[in-house]
Protein backbone atom coordinates (compact mmCIF):
# COMPACT_ATOMS: atom_id res chain seq x y z
CA UNK A 1 -17.34 0.60 2.90
CA UNK A 2 -15.22 3.59 1.91
CA UNK A 3 -12.83 1.69 -0.38
CA UNK A 4 -15.54 0.09 -2.49
CA UNK A 5 -17.46 3.35 -2.76
CA UNK A 6 -14.35 5.18 -3.98
CA UNK A 7 -13.44 2.39 -6.42
CA UNK A 8 -16.88 2.55 -8.03
CA UNK A 9 -17.29 6.34 -8.00
CA UNK A 10 -13.83 7.74 -8.80
CA UNK A 11 -11.43 7.68 -11.74
CA UNK A 12 -8.67 5.13 -11.24
CA UNK A 13 -5.80 3.36 -12.99
CA UNK A 14 -4.00 0.08 -12.30
CA UNK A 15 -0.66 -1.00 -13.73
CA UNK A 16 1.13 -4.28 -13.09
CA UNK A 17 4.58 -4.99 -14.50
CA UNK A 18 6.51 -8.18 -14.17
CA UNK A 19 10.02 -9.13 -15.20
CA UNK A 20 10.94 -12.79 -15.59
CA UNK A 21 11.98 -14.41 -12.31
CA UNK A 22 11.08 -11.33 -10.23
CA UNK A 23 8.08 -10.25 -8.21
CA UNK A 24 5.68 -7.96 -10.08
CA UNK A 25 5.47 -4.23 -9.37
CA UNK A 26 1.96 -2.85 -8.97
CA UNK A 27 0.72 0.74 -8.90
CA UNK A 28 -2.88 1.75 -8.30
CA UNK A 29 -3.82 5.42 -8.73
CA UNK A 30 -7.18 6.91 -7.79
CA UNK A 31 -8.31 10.53 -8.07
CA UNK A 32 -9.77 11.52 -4.70
CA UNK A 33 -11.00 14.62 -2.94
CA UNK A 34 -8.87 15.58 0.06
CA UNK A 35 -11.34 14.13 2.60
CA UNK A 36 -11.47 10.75 0.88
CA UNK A 37 -7.69 10.71 0.41
CA UNK A 38 -7.38 11.19 4.17
CA UNK A 39 -9.45 8.05 4.72
CA UNK A 40 -7.06 6.06 2.53
CA UNK A 41 -4.06 7.54 4.35
CA UNK A 42 -5.34 6.55 7.79
CA UNK A 43 -7.53 3.49 7.19
CA UNK A 44 -5.53 1.47 4.65
CA UNK A 45 -2.67 0.80 7.12
CA UNK A 46 -5.26 -0.45 9.63
CA UNK A 47 -6.23 -3.10 7.08
CA UNK A 48 -2.71 -3.93 5.83
CA UNK A 49 -0.75 -4.04 9.09
CA UNK A 50 -2.46 -7.17 10.48
CA UNK A 51 -2.27 -8.87 7.08
CA UNK A 52 1.45 -8.23 6.62
CA UNK A 53 2.67 -8.22 10.21
CA UNK A 54 4.48 -4.94 9.46
CA UNK A 55 3.90 -1.39 10.66
CA UNK A 56 3.29 1.57 8.34
CA UNK A 57 5.67 4.51 8.79
CA UNK A 58 4.53 8.04 7.87
CA UNK A 59 6.75 9.68 5.23
CA UNK A 60 8.74 12.72 6.41
CA UNK A 61 6.73 15.04 4.14
CA UNK A 62 3.46 13.75 5.71
CA UNK A 63 1.93 12.97 2.27
CA UNK A 64 1.93 9.20 2.65
CA UNK A 65 3.41 6.17 4.35
CA UNK A 66 5.47 3.07 3.61
CA UNK A 67 5.21 -0.43 4.95
CA UNK A 68 8.09 -2.90 4.64
CA UNK A 69 6.86 -6.47 4.39
CA UNK A 70 8.86 -9.69 4.50
CA UNK A 71 8.98 -9.73 0.70
CA UNK A 72 8.94 -6.04 -0.30
CA UNK A 73 7.25 -2.68 0.16
CA UNK A 74 3.77 -1.22 0.06
CA UNK A 75 3.57 2.57 -0.16
CA UNK A 76 0.88 5.21 -0.30
CA UNK A 77 1.56 8.74 -1.51
CA UNK A 78 -0.47 11.74 -2.56
CA UNK A 79 0.40 13.64 -5.76
CA UNK A 80 -1.99 16.47 -6.58
CA UNK A 81 -5.52 15.01 -6.67
CA UNK A 82 -4.19 11.47 -7.05
CA UNK A 83 -3.59 8.91 -4.32
CA UNK A 84 -1.07 6.23 -5.33
CA UNK A 85 -0.75 2.82 -3.74
CA UNK A 86 2.28 0.88 -4.93
CA UNK A 87 3.68 -2.53 -4.10
CA UNK A 88 7.02 -3.99 -5.12
CA UNK A 89 9.25 -6.82 -4.10
CA UNK A 90 12.67 -6.15 -2.61
CA UNK A 91 12.88 -2.36 -2.80
CA UNK A 92 10.86 0.82 -2.65
CA UNK A 93 7.79 0.69 -4.88
CA UNK A 94 7.52 4.39 -5.81
CA UNK A 95 10.44 6.11 -7.52
């Protein structure tokens, strides 16, 4: 499976922050070649949409997407060689 292969093979970083009485914010960054980043861009929404009941919307700059769930946001964006997947409650995850 492409996700597991990338998680094992590539450099990555995970950060989770939580404030008392609020949902935690999570950011996962993984350094990917362009071809692998494209798989994350297209395949991750296929996995998340049925789980959340929401539809991913491509960002205007075409470098990612956002998905508004009942409790917050999940977003994917590409910055240089890094692919970022962020989740936050209530408002946009990536700022």
